[in-house]
Amino acid sequence: MKKILTILLGIVGVLSIVFLAMIISTGDEAIKLGESSGTVNTFMYIGYLVFFLTLAFVVIFSLKNIFSDAETMKSTLKGVGIFALLAAICYFGLAKGVETELKDGEMLSAGGSQLLGAGLYLFYLLLAIAGGSMLFFAIKKMIK
């Protein structure tokens, strides 16, 4: 199975290089004018197909590995639970929803503003946790 997947990935890689060369050889001006939109659109759809197939394989094999071992499932559920808890803290505790006018004249709702703020707070929090854990383990390794 692994050999077949490796060969398939090699073929997809070579085809990707060929498609990229074909798009580049079309030229920027032809693409901007829409003269080669059929070619570019075809390659975009092929790219979407490859992306979704890759995503499907990753999800299938990941779920297979998670459900095959109880300890892995327990660890995964802990991680998902902690992430959900952090997201809830950021949404309900840190983010404030304020209706805001956008540059194009439309309005961003208070709920949308709160969701956006929560996403930013969650990003910063996860960044701090990752940086802190790397620093902690680096110092711990230096002490040994």
C-alpha atoms as a PDB file:
ATOM      1  CA  MET A   1       0.000   0.000   0.000  1.00  0.00           C
ATOM      2  CA  LYS A   2       2.824   2.384   0.902  1.00  0.00           C
ATOM      3  CA  LYS A   3       4.622   1.699  -2.408  1.00  0.00           C
ATOM      4  CA  ILE A   4       1.453   2.415  -4.388  1.00  0.00           C
ATOM      5  CA  LEU A   5       0.876   5.640  -2.460  1.00  0.00           C
ATOM      6  CA  THR A   6       4.496   6.723  -3.018  1.00  0.00           C
ATOM      7  CA  ILE A   7       4.236   6.063  -6.754  1.00  0.00           C
ATOM      8  CA  LEU A   8       0.906   7.910  -6.900  1.00  0.00           C
ATOM      9  CA  LEU A   9       2.393  10.893  -5.059  1.00  0.00           C
ATOM     10  CA  GLY A  10       5.336  10.921  -7.463  1.00  0.00           C
ATOM     11  CA  ILE A  11       2.990  10.957 -10.457  1.00  0.00           C
ATOM     12  CA  VAL A  12       0.950  13.794  -8.937  1.00  0.00           C
ATOM     13  CA  GLY A  13       4.170  15.735  -8.280  1.00  0.00           C
ATOM     14  CA  VAL A  14       5.371  15.348 -11.868  1.00  0.00           C
ATOM     15  CA  LEU A  15       1.948  16.285 -13.248  1.00  0.00           C
ATOM     16  CA  SER A  16       1.918  19.354 -10.993  1.00  0.00           C
ATOM     17  CA  ILE A  17       5.253  20.485 -12.411  1.00  0.00           C
ATOM     18  CA  VAL A  18       3.949  19.978 -15.964  1.00  0.00           C
ATOM     19  CA  PHE A  19       0.745  21.916 -15.226  1.00  0.00           C
ATOM     20  CA  LEU A  20       2.716  24.731 -13.595  1.00  0.00           C
ATOM     21  CA  ALA A  21       4.976  24.958 -16.653  1.00  0.00           C
ATOM     22  CA  MET A  22       1.917  25.095 -18.922  1.00  0.00           C
ATOM     23  CA  ILE A  23       0.353  27.903 -16.870  1.00  0.00           C
ATOM     24  CA  ILE A  24       3.600  29.873 -16.788  1.00  0.00           C
ATOM     25  CA  SER A  25       4.094  29.420 -20.538  1.00  0.00           C
ATOM     26  CA  THR A  26       0.620  30.866 -21.143  1.00  0.00           C
ATOM     27  CA  GLY A  27       1.843  34.220 -19.899  1.00  0.00           C
ATOM     28  CA  ASP A  28       0.492  36.821 -17.531  1.00  0.00           C
ATOM     29  CA  GLU A  29      -1.100  39.000 -20.177  1.00  0.00           C
ATOM     30  CA  ALA A  30      -3.122  36.151 -21.684  1.00  0.00           C
ATOM     31  CA  ILE A  31      -4.363  35.175 -18.247  1.00  0.00           C
ATOM     32  CA  LYS A  32      -5.265  38.786 -17.336  1.00  0.00           C
ATOM     33  CA  LEU A  33      -7.151  39.262 -20.596  1.00  0.00           C
ATOM     34  CA  GLY A  34      -9.037  36.013 -20.060  1.00  0.00           C
ATOM     35  CA  GLU A  35      -7.805  34.402 -23.264  1.00  0.00           C
ATOM     36  CA  SER A  36      -6.670  31.280 -21.466  1.00  0.00           C
ATOM     37  CA  SER A  37      -9.250  31.123 -18.714  1.00  0.00           C
ATOM     38  CA  GLY A  38     -10.327  27.625 -19.797  1.00  0.00           C
ATOM     39  CA  THR A  39      -6.818  26.255 -19.361  1.00  0.00           C
ATOM     40  CA  VAL A  40      -6.265  27.945 -16.021  1.00  0.00           C
ATOM     41  CA  ASN A  41      -9.711  26.957 -14.722  1.00  0.00           C
ATOM     42  CA  THR A  42      -9.095  23.328 -15.696  1.00  0.00           C
ATOM     43  CA  PHE A  43      -5.830  23.292 -13.775  1.00  0.00           C
ATOM     44  CA  MET A  44      -7.490  24.968 -10.805  1.00  0.00           C
ATOM     45  CA  TYR A  45     -10.171  22.275 -10.705  1.00  0.00           C
ATOM     46  CA  ILE A  46      -7.495  19.588 -10.899  1.00  0.00           C
ATOM     47  CA  GLY A  47      -5.699  21.336  -8.035  1.00  0.00           C
ATOM     48  CA  TYR A  48      -8.905  21.400  -5.989  1.00  0.00           C
ATOM     49  CA  LEU A  49      -9.464  17.704  -6.688  1.00  0.00           C
ATOM     50  CA  VAL A  50      -5.939  16.787  -5.594  1.00  0.00           C
ATOM     51  CA  PHE A  51      -6.306  18.946  -2.479  1.00  0.00           C
ATOM     52  CA  PHE A  52      -9.593  17.348  -1.437  1.00  0.00           C
ATOM     53  CA  LEU A  53      -8.302  13.826  -2.146  1.00  0.00           C
ATOM     54  CA  THR A  54      -5.232  14.536  -0.020  1.00  0.00           C
ATOM     55  CA  LEU A  55      -7.401  15.968   2.730  1.00  0.00           C
ATOM     56  CA  ALA A  56      -9.697  12.916   2.593  1.00  0.00           C
ATOM     57  CA  PHE A  57      -6.745  10.497   2.849  1.00  0.00           C
ATOM     58  CA  VAL A  58      -5.266  12.417   5.783  1.00  0.00           C
ATOM     59  CA  VAL A  59      -8.598  12.436   7.630  1.00  0.00           C
ATOM     60  CA  ILE A  60      -9.273   8.757   6.941  1.00  0.00           C
ATOM     61  CA  PHE A  61      -5.831   7.556   8.035  1.00  0.00           C
ATOM     62  CA  SER A  62      -5.780   9.882  11.047  1.00  0.00           C
ATOM     63  CA  LEU A  63      -9.183   8.689  12.233  1.00  0.00           C
ATOM     64  CA  LYS A  64      -8.143   5.080  11.628  1.00  0.00           C
ATOM     65  CA  ASN A  65      -5.074   5.570  13.815  1.00  0.00           C
ATOM     66  CA  ILE A  66      -7.017   7.427  16.497  1.00  0.00           C
ATOM     67  CA  PHE A  67      -9.789   4.823  16.775  1.00  0.00           C
ATOM     68  CA  SER A  68      -7.402   1.853  16.670  1.00  0.00           C
ATOM     69  CA  ASP A  69      -5.807   2.629  20.046  1.00  0.00           C
ATOM     70  CA  ALA A  70      -7.666   3.645  23.210  1.00  0.00           C
ATOM     71  CA  GLU A  71      -4.687   5.581  24.592  1.00  0.00           C
ATOM     72  CA  THR A  72      -4.358   7.606  21.380  1.00  0.00           C
ATOM     73  CA  MET A  73      -8.093   8.339  21.428  1.00  0.00           C
ATOM     74  CA  LYS A  74      -7.898   9.484  25.036  1.00  0.00           C
ATOM     75  CA  SER A  75      -4.948  11.761  24.278  1.00  0.00           C
ATOM     76  CA  THR A  76      -6.675  13.214  21.202  1.00  0.00           C
ATOM     77  CA  LEU A  77      -9.882  13.911  23.115  1.00  0.00           C
ATOM     78  CA  LYS A  78      -7.879  15.652  25.845  1.00  0.00           C
ATOM     79  CA  GLY A  79      -6.232  17.893  23.247  1.00  0.00           C
ATOM     80  CA  VAL A  80      -9.526  18.710  21.549  1.00  0.00           C
ATOM     81  CA  GLY A  81     -11.156  19.403  24.918  1.00  0.00           C
ATOM     82  CA  ILE A  82      -8.373  21.763  26.020  1.00  0.00           C
ATOM     83  CA  PHE A  83      -8.549  23.580  22.682  1.00  0.00           C
ATOM     84  CA  ALA A  84     -12.338  23.938  22.998  1.00  0.00           C
ATOM     85  CA  LEU A  85     -11.943  25.221  26.573  1.00  0.00           C
ATOM     86  CA  LEU A  86      -9.390  27.823  25.464  1.00  0.00           C
ATOM     87  CA  ALA A  87     -11.665  28.856  22.577  1.00  0.00           C
ATOM     88  CA  ALA A  88     -14.621  29.248  24.968  1.00  0.00           C
ATOM     89  CA  ILE A  89     -12.513  31.320  27.379  1.00  0.00           C
ATOM     90  CA  CYS A  90     -11.406  33.582  24.532  1.00  0.00           C
ATOM     91  CA  TYR A  91     -14.940  33.958  23.143  1.00  0.00           C
ATOM     92  CA  PHE A  92     -16.887  34.449  26.355  1.00  0.00           C
ATOM     93  CA  GLY A  93     -14.220  35.937  28.614  1.00  0.00           C
ATOM     94  CA  LEU A  94     -11.837  38.026  26.550  1.00  0.00           C
ATOM     95  CA  ALA A  95     -13.511  39.110  23.311  1.00  0.00           C
ATOM     96  CA  LYS A  96     -15.904  42.026  23.223  1.00  0.00           C
ATOM     97  CA  GLY A  97     -18.474  42.383  20.483  1.00  0.00           C
ATOM     98  CA  VAL A  98     -18.704  45.895  19.091  1.00  0.00           C
ATOM     99  CA  GLU A  99     -20.601  46.761  15.938  1.00  0.00           C
ATOM    100  CA  THR A 100     -18.049  48.268  13.543  1.00  0.00           C
ATOM    101  CA  GLU A 101     -18.315  50.041  10.200  1.00  0.00           C
ATOM    102  CA  LEU A 102     -16.072  48.521   7.534  1.00  0.00           C
ATOM    103  CA  LYS A 103     -14.145  50.380   4.819  1.00  0.00           C
ATOM    104  CA  ASP A 104     -16.686  49.465   2.145  1.00  0.00           C
ATOM    105  CA  GLY A 105     -19.517  51.015   4.171  1.00  0.00           C
ATOM    106  CA  GLU A 106     -21.024  47.745   5.420  1.00  0.00           C
ATOM    107  CA  MET A 107     -21.375  46.947   9.095  1.00  0.00           C
ATOM    108  CA  LEU A 108     -19.644  44.152  10.999  1.00  0.00           C
ATOM    109  CA  SER A 109     -22.097  42.782  13.535  1.00  0.00           C
ATOM    110  CA  ALA A 110     -21.312  42.593  17.227  1.00  0.00           C
ATOM    111  CA  GLY A 111     -21.309  38.787  17.011  1.00  0.00           C
ATOM    112  CA  GLY A 112     -18.913  38.837  14.082  1.00  0.00           C
ATOM    113  CA  SER A 113     -16.661  41.263  15.924  1.00  0.00           C
ATOM    114  CA  GLN A 114     -16.677  39.046  19.002  1.00  0.00           C
ATOM    115  CA  LEU A 115     -15.857  35.963  16.911  1.00  0.00           C
ATOM    116  CA  LEU A 116     -13.013  37.785  15.186  1.00  0.00           C
ATOM    117  CA  GLY A 117     -11.653  39.033  18.498  1.00  0.00           C
ATOM    118  CA  ALA A 118     -11.890  35.567  20.019  1.00  0.00           C
ATOM    119  CA  GLY A 119      -9.938  34.129  17.090  1.00  0.00           C
ATOM    120  CA  LEU A 120      -7.194  36.695  17.572  1.00  0.00           C
ATOM    121  CA  TYR A 121      -7.037  36.113  21.336  1.00  0.00           C
ATOM    122  CA  LEU A 122      -6.940  32.342  20.763  1.00  0.00           C
ATOM    123  CA  PHE A 123      -4.104  32.751  18.254  1.00  0.00           C
ATOM    124  CA  TYR A 124      -2.094  34.882  20.692  1.00  0.00           C
ATOM    125  CA  LEU A 125      -2.772  32.490  23.559  1.00  0.00           C
ATOM    126  CA  LEU A 126      -1.695  29.441  21.551  1.00  0.00           C
ATOM    127  CA  LEU A 127       1.393  31.344  20.376  1.00  0.00           C
ATOM    128  CA  ALA A 128       2.300  32.173  23.988  1.00  0.00           C
ATOM    129  CA  ILE A 129       1.750  28.570  25.092  1.00  0.00           C
ATOM    130  CA  ALA A 130       3.908  27.213  22.253  1.00  0.00           C
ATOM    131  CA  GLY A 131       6.656  29.758  22.873  1.00  0.00           C
ATOM    132  CA  GLY A 132       6.556  29.162  26.609  1.00  0.00           C
ATOM    133  CA  SER A 133       6.758  25.400  26.258  1.00  0.00           C
ATOM    134  CA  MET A 134       9.692  25.655  23.811  1.00  0.00           C
ATOM    135  CA  LEU A 135      11.478  28.012  26.190  1.00  0.00           C
ATOM    136  CA  PHE A 136      10.742  25.765  29.180  1.00  0.00           C
ATOM    137  CA  PHE A 137      12.076  22.620  27.508  1.00  0.00           C
ATOM    138  CA  ALA A 138      15.114  24.456  26.118  1.00  0.00           C
ATOM    139  CA  ILE A 139      16.016  25.711  29.592  1.00  0.00           C
ATOM    140  CA  LYS A 140      15.323  22.263  31.048  1.00  0.00           C
ATOM    141  CA  LYS A 141      17.636  20.689  28.451  1.00  0.00           C
ATOM    142  CA  MET A 142      20.366  23.266  29.161  1.00  0.00           C
ATOM    143  CA  ILE A 143      20.186  22.542  32.882  1.00  0.00           C
ATOM    144  CA  LYS A 144      20.749  18.818  32.276  1.00  0.00           C
END
